Amino acid sequence: MTQQSIADRADRLWCRLRLDRLAGGRQADYVIREDMLAHPATVRSFRWIRWLLVAETVVGLAAIVVAILLTRAGETIPWAVWFRATVVLLITLTLYVFAWRAQLGYYWAYQRLRLFSRIFPIVTLIIAAIPGLYPFWMVIEQIVFSVFMIGIGDVLTSDHMRSAFPKPAKRTAP
């Protein structure tokens, strides 16, 4: 089975379950123009976003591995570390979904990805600054996670991406 056929099957299932309607609300059906979707700068932007998400996944998995190794070595790992590491991986999975749908041209997914790439780094850095909440290695992990998220936000707010994903026109009441 090819990667394209898997993607097509996943898209058909997603559409059959009407998940775009659930996640996108009023803007669920708004898709950008095909020429902008196929534009080399758009394709390159989504390639960068995928790599940054892979890097975030690696950082998140590394945090869990470090916590496991330290636990096995006899250190007590605070509950907050386990919670944070798990939540980061779950958040990253949702970001993959948003990136996938945005890459197919869905404006709602682009907006969600853009919003989360702005909010998550701020929240993460504020939480990392709370003294004593996390061990030093976890604070470093949070800073690295935030840098990758800021990178995603930077790609999404480039002039090209903002012009590729124009805000939908407001609907007027009939």
N, C-alpha and C. Protein backbone atom coordinates (compact mmCIF):
# COMPACT_ATOMS: atom_id res chain seq x y z
N MET A 1 0.85 -1.17 0.00
CA MET A 1 0.00 0.00 0.00
C MET A 1 0.90 1.24 0.00
N THR A 2 0.65 2.16 -0.91
CA THR A 2 1.48 3.35 -1.01
C THR A 2 1.07 4.40 0.02
N GLN A 3 1.98 5.32 0.23
CA GLN A 3 1.71 6.39 1.19
C GLN A 3 0.52 7.23 0.73
N GLN A 4 0.42 7.46 -0.58
CA GLN A 4 -0.70 8.25 -1.11
C GLN A 4 -2.04 7.55 -0.89
N SER A 5 -2.09 6.22 -1.08
CA SER A 5 -3.36 5.51 -0.88
C SER A 5 -3.75 5.51 0.60
N ILE A 6 -2.77 5.46 1.49
CA ILE A 6 -3.07 5.55 2.92
C ILE A 6 -3.63 6.93 3.24
N ALA A 7 -3.01 7.96 2.67
CA ALA A 7 -3.49 9.33 2.90
C ALA A 7 -4.90 9.50 2.34
N ASP A 8 -5.15 8.94 1.18
CA ASP A 8 -6.49 9.04 0.57
C ASP A 8 -7.53 8.33 1.43
N ARG A 9 -7.18 7.16 1.94
CA ARG A 9 -8.11 6.42 2.81
C ARG A 9 -8.39 7.20 4.10
N ALA A 10 -7.33 7.75 4.68
CA ALA A 10 -7.50 8.53 5.91
C ALA A 10 -8.38 9.74 5.64
N ASP A 11 -8.19 10.39 4.51
CA ASP A 11 -9.01 11.57 4.17
C ASP A 11 -10.47 11.17 3.96
N ARG A 12 -10.71 10.08 3.28
CA ARG A 12 -12.10 9.62 3.06
C ARG A 12 -12.77 9.29 4.39
N LEU A 13 -12.05 8.61 5.28
CA LEU A 13 -12.62 8.29 6.60
C LEU A 13 -12.90 9.57 7.38
N TRP A 14 -11.95 10.48 7.38
CA TRP A 14 -12.11 11.75 8.08
C TRP A 14 -13.36 12.48 7.57
N CYS A 15 -13.51 12.53 6.23
CA CYS A 15 -14.67 13.21 5.64
C CYS A 15 -15.97 12.47 5.93
N ARG A 16 -15.92 11.15 5.88
CA ARG A 16 -17.12 10.36 6.15
C ARG A 16 -17.61 10.59 7.58
N LEU A 17 -16.69 10.74 8.51
CA LEU A 17 -17.05 11.00 9.90
C LEU A 17 -17.39 12.47 10.15
N ARG A 18 -17.25 13.29 9.11
CA ARG A 18 -17.57 14.73 9.17
C ARG A 18 -16.78 15.44 10.27
N LEU A 19 -15.52 15.05 10.41
CA LEU A 19 -14.69 15.64 11.46
C LEU A 19 -14.28 17.07 11.13
N ASP A 20 -14.21 17.42 9.84
CA ASP A 20 -13.92 18.81 9.49
C ASP A 20 -15.02 19.72 10.02
N ARG A 21 -16.27 19.27 9.91
CA ARG A 21 -17.40 20.05 10.42
C ARG A 21 -17.27 20.23 11.93
N LEU A 22 -16.91 19.17 12.61
CA LEU A 22 -16.76 19.23 14.06
C LEU A 22 -15.62 20.15 14.46
N ALA A 23 -14.48 20.00 13.81
CA ALA A 23 -13.29 20.77 14.19
C ALA A 23 -13.29 22.19 13.62
N GLY A 24 -13.87 22.36 12.44
CA GLY A 24 -13.78 23.65 11.76
C GLY A 24 -14.97 24.56 11.91
N GLY A 25 -16.06 24.03 12.41
CA GLY A 25 -17.25 24.86 12.59
C GLY A 25 -17.74 25.46 11.29
N ARG A 26 -18.08 26.77 11.33
CA ARG A 26 -18.63 27.44 10.15
C ARG A 26 -17.67 27.44 8.97
N GLN A 27 -16.38 27.40 9.24
CA GLN A 27 -15.39 27.47 8.17
C GLN A 27 -14.92 26.09 7.70
N ALA A 28 -15.64 25.06 8.08
CA ALA A 28 -15.20 23.69 7.79
C ALA A 28 -15.04 23.43 6.30
N ASP A 29 -15.87 24.03 5.48
CA ASP A 29 -15.84 23.75 4.04
C ASP A 29 -14.96 24.70 3.25
N TYR A 30 -14.43 25.71 3.90
CA TYR A 30 -13.62 26.70 3.18
C TYR A 30 -12.23 26.13 2.93
N VAL A 31 -11.89 26.00 1.66
CA VAL A 31 -10.60 25.46 1.23
C VAL A 31 -9.94 26.49 0.33
N ILE A 32 -8.64 26.64 0.46
CA ILE A 32 -7.93 27.64 -0.35
C ILE A 32 -7.86 27.19 -1.81
N ARG A 33 -7.49 28.13 -2.67
CA ARG A 33 -7.39 27.84 -4.10
C ARG A 33 -6.32 26.78 -4.36
N GLU A 34 -6.58 25.94 -5.33
CA GLU A 34 -5.67 24.84 -5.67
C GLU A 34 -4.30 25.35 -6.11
N ASP A 35 -4.26 26.45 -6.85
CA ASP A 35 -2.96 26.97 -7.31
C ASP A 35 -2.10 27.43 -6.13
N MET A 36 -2.72 27.96 -5.08
CA MET A 36 -1.96 28.37 -3.91
C MET A 36 -1.51 27.17 -3.09
N LEU A 37 -2.32 26.14 -3.10
CA LEU A 37 -1.98 24.92 -2.37
C LEU A 37 -0.78 24.22 -3.02
N ALA A 38 -0.73 24.26 -4.35
CA ALA A 38 0.36 23.60 -5.08
C ALA A 38 1.58 24.50 -5.28
N HIS A 39 1.49 25.74 -4.85
CA HIS A 39 2.60 26.68 -5.01
C HIS A 39 3.84 26.14 -4.31
N PRO A 40 5.01 26.26 -4.95
CA PRO A 40 6.24 25.72 -4.33
C PRO A 40 6.51 26.26 -2.93
N ALA A 41 6.19 27.53 -2.68
CA ALA A 41 6.43 28.09 -1.35
C ALA A 41 5.50 27.46 -0.30
N THR A 42 4.28 27.13 -0.69
CA THR A 42 3.34 26.47 0.22
C THR A 42 3.83 25.05 0.52
N VAL A 43 4.23 24.35 -0.52
CA VAL A 43 4.73 22.98 -0.35
C VAL A 43 5.97 22.99 0.55
N ARG A 44 6.87 23.93 0.30
CA ARG A 44 8.08 24.04 1.11
C ARG A 44 7.75 24.38 2.56
N SER A 45 6.79 25.25 2.77
CA SER A 45 6.38 25.62 4.14
C SER A 45 5.86 24.41 4.90
N PHE A 46 5.02 23.61 4.25
CA PHE A 46 4.48 22.43 4.94
C PHE A 46 5.56 21.38 5.17
N ARG A 47 6.55 21.34 4.30
CA ARG A 47 7.67 20.42 4.54
C ARG A 47 8.41 20.84 5.81
N TRP A 48 8.65 22.14 5.99
CA TRP A 48 9.30 22.65 7.20
C TRP A 48 8.46 22.35 8.43
N ILE A 49 7.16 22.56 8.31
CA ILE A 49 6.27 22.31 9.44
C ILE A 49 6.33 20.84 9.85
N ARG A 50 6.31 19.95 8.86
CA ARG A 50 6.40 18.50 9.19
C ARG A 50 7.70 18.19 9.92
N TRP A 51 8.82 18.74 9.46
CA TRP A 51 10.11 18.48 10.11
C TRP A 51 10.14 19.04 11.52
N LEU A 52 9.55 20.21 11.71
CA LEU A 52 9.50 20.78 13.06
C LEU A 52 8.62 19.94 13.98
N LEU A 53 7.53 19.41 13.44
CA LEU A 53 6.68 18.52 14.25
C LEU A 53 7.40 17.22 14.59
N VAL A 54 8.17 16.70 13.65
CA VAL A 54 8.97 15.50 13.93
C VAL A 54 9.98 15.81 15.03
N ALA A 55 10.61 16.96 14.95
CA ALA A 55 11.58 17.36 15.99
C ALA A 55 10.89 17.48 17.34
N GLU A 56 9.68 18.05 17.37
CA GLU A 56 8.93 18.13 18.63
C GLU A 56 8.60 16.75 19.18
N THR A 57 8.26 15.84 18.29
CA THR A 57 7.96 14.47 18.72
C THR A 57 9.19 13.82 19.33
N VAL A 58 10.33 14.03 18.71
CA VAL A 58 11.58 13.47 19.23
C VAL A 58 11.88 14.06 20.61
N VAL A 59 11.69 15.36 20.76
CA VAL A 59 11.94 16.01 22.05
C VAL A 59 10.97 15.45 23.11
N GLY A 60 9.71 15.30 22.74
CA GLY A 60 8.72 14.76 23.68
C GLY A 60 9.02 13.33 24.08
N LEU A 61 9.40 12.51 23.10
CA LEU A 61 9.77 11.12 23.42
C LEU A 61 11.04 11.06 24.26
N ALA A 62 11.98 11.94 23.96
CA ALA A 62 13.22 11.98 24.74
C ALA A 62 12.93 12.32 26.20
N ALA A 63 11.98 13.21 26.43
CA ALA A 63 11.63 13.57 27.82
C ALA A 63 11.08 12.36 28.56
N ILE A 64 10.25 11.57 27.89
CA ILE A 64 9.71 10.38 28.53
C ILE A 64 10.81 9.35 28.78
N VAL A 65 11.70 9.18 27.82
CA VAL A 65 12.81 8.24 27.99
C VAL A 65 13.71 8.66 29.15
N VAL A 66 14.02 9.95 29.22
CA VAL A 66 14.86 10.44 30.32
C VAL A 66 14.16 10.19 31.66
N ALA A 67 12.87 10.47 31.74
CA ALA A 67 12.12 10.24 32.99
C ALA A 67 12.14 8.76 33.37
N ILE A 68 11.98 7.89 32.39
CA ILE A 68 12.01 6.44 32.66
C ILE A 68 13.39 6.02 33.15
N LEU A 69 14.43 6.49 32.47
CA LEU A 69 15.79 6.12 32.87
C LEU A 69 16.13 6.63 34.26
N LEU A 70 15.72 7.85 34.56
CA LEU A 70 15.99 8.39 35.90
C LEU A 70 15.20 7.64 36.97
N THR A 71 13.98 7.25 36.65
CA THR A 71 13.18 6.47 37.60
C THR A 71 13.84 5.11 37.86
N ARG A 72 14.30 4.49 36.79
CA ARG A 72 14.98 3.19 36.94
C ARG A 72 16.29 3.31 37.72
N ALA A 73 16.89 4.52 37.67
CA ALA A 73 18.13 4.75 38.41
C ALA A 73 17.85 5.12 39.87
N GLY A 74 16.58 5.16 40.25
CA GLY A 74 16.23 5.40 41.64
C GLY A 74 15.79 6.82 41.97
N GLU A 75 15.80 7.71 41.00
CA GLU A 75 15.34 9.08 41.26
C GLU A 75 13.82 9.14 41.27
N THR A 76 13.30 10.02 42.07
CA THR A 76 11.86 10.25 42.10
C THR A 76 11.55 11.36 41.09
N ILE A 77 10.73 11.03 40.14
CA ILE A 77 10.33 12.00 39.12
C ILE A 77 8.97 12.56 39.51
N PRO A 78 8.87 13.89 39.62
CA PRO A 78 7.59 14.49 40.03
C PRO A 78 6.46 14.17 39.05
N TRP A 79 5.26 14.12 39.60
CA TRP A 79 4.07 13.85 38.79
C TRP A 79 3.95 14.86 37.65
N ALA A 80 4.33 16.11 37.90
CA ALA A 80 4.22 17.17 36.88
C ALA A 80 5.04 16.83 35.63
N VAL A 81 6.17 16.17 35.80
CA VAL A 81 7.01 15.79 34.66
C VAL A 81 6.29 14.77 33.79
N TRP A 82 5.72 13.75 34.42
CA TRP A 82 5.01 12.72 33.66
C TRP A 82 3.81 13.32 32.93
N PHE A 83 3.09 14.17 33.63
CA PHE A 83 1.92 14.81 33.04
C PHE A 83 2.32 15.68 31.86
N ARG A 84 3.33 16.50 32.04
CA ARG A 84 3.80 17.40 30.99
C ARG A 84 4.29 16.62 29.77
N ALA A 85 5.07 15.60 29.99
CA ALA A 85 5.61 14.82 28.87
C ALA A 85 4.49 14.16 28.08
N THR A 86 3.51 13.62 28.76
CA THR A 86 2.37 12.98 28.09
C THR A 86 1.54 14.01 27.32
N VAL A 87 1.27 15.12 27.95
CA VAL A 87 0.46 16.16 27.31
C VAL A 87 1.16 16.71 26.07
N VAL A 88 2.46 16.91 26.14
CA VAL A 88 3.20 17.42 24.98
C VAL A 88 3.06 16.47 23.80
N LEU A 89 3.16 15.18 24.06
CA LEU A 89 3.01 14.22 22.95
C LEU A 89 1.59 14.25 22.38
N LEU A 90 0.59 14.35 23.22
CA LEU A 90 -0.79 14.42 22.74
C LEU A 90 -1.05 15.71 21.96
N ILE A 91 -0.51 16.81 22.45
CA ILE A 91 -0.64 18.08 21.73
C ILE A 91 0.02 17.97 20.36
N THR A 92 1.20 17.38 20.33
CA THR A 92 1.92 17.25 19.06
C THR A 92 1.11 16.41 18.07
N LEU A 93 0.44 15.36 18.55
CA LEU A 93 -0.41 14.57 17.66
C LEU A 93 -1.54 15.41 17.08
N THR A 94 -2.14 16.26 17.88
CA THR A 94 -3.21 17.12 17.34
C THR A 94 -2.63 18.11 16.33
N LEU A 95 -1.41 18.56 16.57
CA LEU A 95 -0.78 19.47 15.61
C LEU A 95 -0.51 18.79 14.28
N TYR A 96 -0.17 17.50 14.32
CA TYR A 96 -0.01 16.74 13.07
C TYR A 96 -1.32 16.72 12.29
N VAL A 97 -2.43 16.54 12.99
CA VAL A 97 -3.74 16.52 12.34
C VAL A 97 -4.04 17.87 11.72
N PHE A 98 -3.81 18.94 12.47
CA PHE A 98 -4.05 20.28 11.93
C PHE A 98 -3.16 20.53 10.72
N ALA A 99 -1.90 20.12 10.79
CA ALA A 99 -0.99 20.32 9.66
C ALA A 99 -1.44 19.52 8.45
N TRP A 100 -1.90 18.31 8.66
CA TRP A 100 -2.39 17.46 7.57
C TRP A 100 -3.58 18.11 6.89
N ARG A 101 -4.56 18.58 7.67
CA ARG A 101 -5.76 19.19 7.09
C ARG A 101 -5.42 20.53 6.43
N ALA A 102 -4.51 21.30 7.04
CA ALA A 102 -4.10 22.57 6.44
C ALA A 102 -3.38 22.31 5.12
N GLN A 103 -2.58 21.27 5.08
CA GLN A 103 -1.86 20.94 3.84
C GLN A 103 -2.83 20.56 2.73
N LEU A 104 -4.01 20.10 3.09
CA LEU A 104 -5.05 19.80 2.11
C LEU A 104 -5.85 21.06 1.74
N GLY A 105 -5.53 22.17 2.39
CA GLY A 105 -6.13 23.44 2.04
C GLY A 105 -7.22 23.95 2.96
N TYR A 106 -7.47 23.27 4.05
CA TYR A 106 -8.54 23.68 4.96
C TYR A 106 -8.08 24.87 5.79
N TYR A 107 -8.80 25.98 5.63
CA TYR A 107 -8.47 27.21 6.34
C TYR A 107 -8.57 27.03 7.84
N TRP A 108 -9.59 26.33 8.32
CA TRP A 108 -9.78 26.16 9.76
C TRP A 108 -8.55 25.51 10.40
N ALA A 109 -7.96 24.53 9.69
CA ALA A 109 -6.80 23.82 10.24
C ALA A 109 -5.57 24.73 10.27
N TYR A 110 -5.42 25.52 9.22
CA TYR A 110 -4.33 26.50 9.18
C TYR A 110 -4.46 27.45 10.37
N GLN A 111 -5.67 27.96 10.61
CA GLN A 111 -5.91 28.89 11.71
C GLN A 111 -5.62 28.25 13.06
N ARG A 112 -6.07 27.01 13.25
CA ARG A 112 -5.83 26.33 14.53
C ARG A 112 -4.33 26.12 14.76
N LEU A 113 -3.65 25.67 13.72
CA LEU A 113 -2.21 25.45 13.83
C LEU A 113 -1.50 26.76 14.14
N ARG A 114 -1.90 27.82 13.48
CA ARG A 114 -1.31 29.14 13.71
C ARG A 114 -1.58 29.61 15.14
N LEU A 115 -2.80 29.44 15.60
CA LEU A 115 -3.17 29.85 16.95
C LEU A 115 -2.36 29.08 18.00
N PHE A 116 -2.31 27.76 17.86
CA PHE A 116 -1.58 26.95 18.84
C PHE A 116 -0.08 27.25 18.80
N SER A 117 0.45 27.56 17.63
CA SER A 117 1.88 27.87 17.56
C SER A 117 2.21 29.20 18.23
N ARG A 118 1.21 30.01 18.48
CA ARG A 118 1.41 31.26 19.22
C ARG A 118 1.18 31.07 20.72
N ILE A 119 0.18 30.30 21.07
CA ILE A 119 -0.21 30.15 22.48
C ILE A 119 0.70 29.18 23.23
N PHE A 120 0.98 28.01 22.66
CA PHE A 120 1.74 26.99 23.37
C PHE A 120 3.12 27.45 23.83
N PRO A 121 3.88 28.17 23.01
CA PRO A 121 5.19 28.60 23.52
C PRO A 121 5.09 29.54 24.72
N ILE A 122 4.10 30.41 24.71
CA ILE A 122 3.93 31.34 25.83
C ILE A 122 3.59 30.57 27.10
N VAL A 123 2.61 29.69 27.01
CA VAL A 123 2.20 28.90 28.17
C VAL A 123 3.36 28.04 28.66
N THR A 124 4.04 27.40 27.73
CA THR A 124 5.14 26.51 28.08
C THR A 124 6.26 27.27 28.80
N LEU A 125 6.61 28.43 28.28
CA LEU A 125 7.70 29.19 28.89
C LEU A 125 7.31 29.75 30.25
N ILE A 126 6.05 30.16 30.41
CA ILE A 126 5.59 30.64 31.71
C ILE A 126 5.65 29.51 32.74
N ILE A 127 5.17 28.34 32.34
CA ILE A 127 5.19 27.19 33.27
C ILE A 127 6.62 26.77 33.58
N ALA A 128 7.49 26.83 32.58
CA ALA A 128 8.90 26.47 32.81
C ALA A 128 9.57 27.42 33.79
N ALA A 129 9.07 28.65 33.88
CA ALA A 129 9.68 29.64 34.76
C ALA A 129 9.25 29.50 36.22
N ILE A 130 8.29 28.63 36.50
CA ILE A 130 7.85 28.43 37.89
C ILE A 130 8.96 27.68 38.63
N PRO A 131 9.54 28.30 39.63
CA PRO A 131 10.67 27.67 40.33
C PRO A 131 10.27 26.35 41.00
N GLY A 132 11.08 25.33 40.77
CA GLY A 132 10.92 24.06 41.45
C GLY A 132 9.84 23.14 40.88
N LEU A 133 9.09 23.59 39.88
CA LEU A 133 8.03 22.73 39.34
C LEU A 133 8.62 21.56 38.56
N TYR A 134 9.65 21.85 37.77
CA TYR A 134 10.28 20.82 36.93
C TYR A 134 11.77 20.77 37.20
N PRO A 135 12.36 19.60 37.01
CA PRO A 135 13.82 19.53 37.08
C PRO A 135 14.44 20.32 35.91
N PHE A 136 15.69 20.66 36.04
CA PHE A 136 16.36 21.50 35.04
C PHE A 136 16.27 20.91 33.63
N TRP A 137 16.45 19.59 33.51
CA TRP A 137 16.42 18.98 32.18
C TRP A 137 15.05 19.15 31.53
N MET A 138 13.97 19.15 32.33
CA MET A 138 12.62 19.33 31.78
C MET A 138 12.40 20.79 31.37
N VAL A 139 12.99 21.72 32.10
CA VAL A 139 12.91 23.13 31.72
C VAL A 139 13.57 23.33 30.35
N ILE A 140 14.71 22.70 30.16
CA ILE A 140 15.40 22.78 28.87
C ILE A 140 14.52 22.17 27.78
N GLU A 141 13.88 21.05 28.06
CA GLU A 141 12.98 20.40 27.10
C GLU A 141 11.86 21.35 26.71
N GLN A 142 11.31 22.07 27.69
CA GLN A 142 10.21 23.00 27.41
C GLN A 142 10.68 24.17 26.55
N ILE A 143 11.88 24.63 26.79
CA ILE A 143 12.42 25.73 25.98
C ILE A 143 12.62 25.26 24.54
N VAL A 144 13.16 24.07 24.36
CA VAL A 144 13.37 23.53 23.00
C VAL A 144 12.01 23.34 22.30
N PHE A 145 11.03 22.79 23.03
CA PHE A 145 9.68 22.62 22.48
C PHE A 145 9.15 23.98 22.01
N SER A 146 9.32 25.00 22.83
CA SER A 146 8.82 26.33 22.49
C SER A 146 9.52 26.90 21.26
N VAL A 147 10.81 26.67 21.14
CA VAL A 147 11.54 27.16 19.97
C VAL A 147 10.98 26.51 18.70
N PHE A 148 10.72 25.22 18.74
CA PHE A 148 10.13 24.55 17.56
C PHE A 148 8.74 25.09 17.25
N MET A 149 7.94 25.34 18.29
CA MET A 149 6.61 25.89 18.08
C MET A 149 6.68 27.30 17.49
N ILE A 150 7.62 28.09 17.97
CA ILE A 150 7.81 29.44 17.41
C ILE A 150 8.22 29.34 15.94
N GLY A 151 9.04 28.33 15.63
CA GLY A 151 9.42 28.10 14.23
C GLY A 151 8.21 27.79 13.35
N ILE A 152 7.32 26.96 13.86
CA ILE A 152 6.09 26.64 13.11
C ILE A 152 5.26 27.91 12.92
N GLY A 153 5.13 28.69 13.99
CA GLY A 153 4.39 29.95 13.90
C GLY A 153 5.01 30.90 12.90
N ASP A 154 6.34 30.94 12.86
CA ASP A 154 7.04 31.81 11.92
C ASP A 154 6.74 31.41 10.48
N VAL A 155 6.76 30.12 10.21
CA VAL A 155 6.45 29.63 8.86
C VAL A 155 5.01 29.97 8.49
N LEU A 156 4.09 29.75 9.42
CA LEU A 156 2.67 29.98 9.14
C LEU A 156 2.31 31.45 8.95
N THR A 157 3.08 32.34 9.55
CA THR A 157 2.76 33.76 9.42
C THR A 157 3.62 34.46 8.37
N SER A 158 4.31 33.70 7.56
CA SER A 158 5.07 34.32 6.47
C SER A 158 4.10 35.00 5.52
N ASP A 159 4.60 35.96 4.77
CA ASP A 159 3.75 36.67 3.82
C ASP A 159 3.07 35.71 2.85
N HIS A 160 3.84 34.74 2.37
CA HIS A 160 3.25 33.81 1.41
C HIS A 160 2.11 32.99 2.02
N MET A 161 2.34 32.45 3.21
CA MET A 161 1.31 31.61 3.82
C MET A 161 0.06 32.41 4.17
N ARG A 162 0.24 33.64 4.61
CA ARG A 162 -0.94 34.46 4.90
C ARG A 162 -1.71 34.78 3.62
N SER A 163 -1.00 34.95 2.51
CA SER A 163 -1.72 35.20 1.25
C SER A 163 -2.30 33.91 0.67
N ALA A 164 -1.66 32.78 0.96
CA ALA A 164 -2.19 31.50 0.48
C ALA A 164 -3.46 31.10 1.22
N PHE A 165 -3.56 31.50 2.48
CA PHE A 165 -4.72 31.17 3.32
C PHE A 165 -5.46 32.45 3.70
N PRO A 166 -6.13 33.09 2.73
CA PRO A 166 -6.84 34.33 3.07
C PRO A 166 -8.06 34.03 3.93
N LYS A 167 -8.37 34.99 4.76
CA LYS A 167 -9.53 34.87 5.63
C LYS A 167 -10.80 34.76 4.77
N PRO A 168 -11.69 33.83 5.09
CA PRO A 168 -12.91 33.71 4.29
C PRO A 168 -13.78 34.97 4.44
N ALA A 169 -14.47 35.30 3.37
CA ALA A 169 -15.38 36.44 3.42
C ALA A 169 -16.53 36.14 4.34
N LYS A 170 -16.98 37.16 5.06
CA LYS A 170 -18.12 36.94 5.96
C LYS A 170 -19.36 36.67 5.14
N ARG A 171 -20.13 35.72 5.61
CA ARG A 171 -21.39 35.37 4.94
C ARG A 171 -22.46 36.36 5.37
N THR A 172 -23.24 36.79 4.42
CA THR A 172 -24.34 37.68 4.75
C THR A 172 -25.60 36.86 4.91
N ALA A 173 -26.45 37.30 5.80
CA ALA A 173 -27.70 36.58 6.06
C ALA A 173 -28.62 36.69 4.84
N PRO A 174 -29.32 35.61 4.47
CA PRO A 174 -30.20 35.65 3.27
C PRO A 174 -31.42 36.51 3.48
